[in-house]
Amino acid sequence: MEENLKALYTQEIDQFRLDFDHNPEYQAYYTQAEAIWKGGDMPPAVFHLLETGNFLSFAHGFRLGARLAGWVRTG
């Protein structure tokens, strides 16, 4: 299931349906994070942490949506 979610997450980003670059709130926080390091070169581990957090949020939302859809069908 996790591999399918990762593939769906990547597809959503590639097709610009999940677009962090055009979200003003996300960009404000990302810019603040980049400013911590000289030249804005965020360490790869920190960038990976942000990417992992984004995926986990997407996966949680997807699973919640699936549970809600099941609840609506049975309710």
Protein backbone atom coordinates (compact mmCIF):
# COMPACT_ATOMS: atom_id res chain seq x y z
CA MET A 1 0.00 0.00 0.00
CA GLU A 2 2.80 2.43 0.88
CA GLU A 3 4.43 2.02 -2.54
CA ASN A 4 1.08 2.76 -4.22
CA LEU A 5 0.68 5.88 -2.07
CA LYS A 6 4.20 7.02 -3.00
CA ALA A 7 3.42 6.52 -6.69
CA LEU A 8 0.15 8.47 -6.33
CA TYR A 9 1.93 11.25 -4.41
CA THR A 10 4.57 11.54 -7.13
CA GLN A 11 1.89 11.54 -9.83
CA GLU A 12 -0.03 14.32 -8.08
CA ILE A 13 3.12 16.45 -7.87
CA ASP A 14 4.19 15.71 -11.45
CA GLN A 15 0.76 16.66 -12.80
CA PHE A 16 0.67 19.85 -10.66
CA ARG A 17 -2.45 18.84 -8.74
CA LEU A 18 -0.40 18.97 -5.55
CA ASP A 19 1.70 22.09 -6.06
CA PHE A 20 3.73 23.26 -3.09
CA ASP A 21 5.58 25.84 -5.20
CA HIS A 22 2.44 27.96 -5.68
CA ASN A 23 1.15 27.76 -2.11
CA PRO A 24 2.00 31.11 -0.45
CA GLU A 25 1.92 29.76 3.10
CA TYR A 26 4.17 26.81 2.24
CA GLN A 27 6.58 29.10 0.37
CA ALA A 28 6.77 31.51 3.31
CA TYR A 29 7.79 28.73 5.67
CA TYR A 30 10.14 27.19 3.12
CA THR A 31 11.85 30.56 2.58
CA GLN A 32 12.27 30.95 6.34
CA ALA A 33 13.82 27.49 6.52
CA GLU A 34 16.22 28.26 3.66
CA ALA A 35 17.30 31.51 5.31
CA ILE A 36 18.76 29.59 8.23
CA TRP A 37 21.66 28.43 6.04
CA LYS A 38 24.06 30.73 4.21
CA GLY A 39 23.24 30.88 0.52
CA GLY A 40 19.97 29.04 1.13
CA ASP A 41 21.71 25.68 0.74
CA MET A 42 19.52 23.53 2.92
CA PRO A 43 21.30 20.36 4.07
CA PRO A 44 20.03 17.30 2.19
CA ALA A 45 18.86 15.68 5.44
CA VAL A 46 16.62 18.67 6.23
CA PHE A 47 15.23 18.75 2.68
CA HIS A 48 14.52 15.01 2.95
CA LEU A 49 12.75 15.62 6.26
CA LEU A 50 10.49 18.22 4.60
CA GLU A 51 9.77 15.91 1.68
CA THR A 52 8.98 13.05 4.06
CA GLY A 53 6.66 15.30 6.07
CA ASN A 54 4.86 16.30 2.88
CA PHE A 55 4.40 12.67 1.87
CA LEU A 56 3.18 11.65 5.33
CA SER A 57 0.62 14.46 5.29
CA PHE A 58 -0.57 13.37 1.85
CA ALA A 59 -0.77 9.71 2.90
CA HIS A 60 -2.70 10.58 6.07
CA GLY A 61 -5.17 12.70 4.09
CA PHE A 62 -5.62 9.94 1.54
CA ARG A 63 -6.25 7.30 4.19
CA LEU A 64 -8.64 9.58 6.07
CA GLY A 65 -10.52 10.26 2.83
CA ALA A 66 -10.77 6.54 2.10
CA ARG A 67 -12.10 5.84 5.60
CA LEU A 68 -14.63 8.65 5.32
CA ALA A 69 -15.78 7.36 1.93
CA GLY A 70 -16.27 3.89 3.45
CA TRP A 71 -18.13 5.37 6.40
CA VAL A 72 -20.48 7.28 4.07
CA ARG A 73 -21.18 4.16 2.00
CA THR A 74 -22.02 2.06 5.07
CA GLY A 75 -23.83 4.83 6.96
